[in-house]
Amino acid sequence: MRKLTIDELRQLVPEYNNDLAKERASGIFNYIIMMVALARDHHMQHQDLVNWIHRHFEERGYYEETLLKFGSGNTKLFLQDFVIGRSLLYENIEVFIHENGNYEVQSTSWWLNQPTDACFYFDMEPEEIVKYVQSLACSKADRLGITLKISHNNGIEQALICKKDTII
């Protein structure tokens, strides 16, 4: 048995040349659309779905364990988790550290300009997903003693991460 070189693999599977990260993101995005559409069809608002998700984490000790291990307001840990999560859905992620120790994450959303077919089939605008994803992230941050402020400007998402009660 011989392992194929990357060039041999690309000859056999030309699609491998495509950005697989974008394909993965598209699949994840589609599942988020389906979950939000299911919640909508069951008369749930975004915050209801967010609360349902976080309640399951809380009931199984996720936040308690995380806070015990890493402490409240651990911006570095939250930054790592946030960037990994964003890298599944966004591209061109840049991270900045401010003089006061706050972090800023800037990322570009491909799916606002190129919505997947699931948006059509589940009657969901990409902006609805933006609101849901933002609410989910901010709610998690709050439970971990973090303030997360997310804004959008000219197709760029800007997320400011700081300890709770820090002046932004």
Foldseek 3Di string as FASTA:
>chain_A
DDDDDPVRVCVVPVCVPPDVLQVQLLVVVLVLLVVCLVCVVVVHDLVRVLCVVVVVCVVVCNLVVCCVVQNAWPQVVLVVVVVVVVSSFWPDWDWDADPVGKIKIKTAGPCLVPPDCSCVVSVHHVVSSVVSVVSNSQVVSVSRQWHWDWDDDPRMIMIIIGGPPDDD
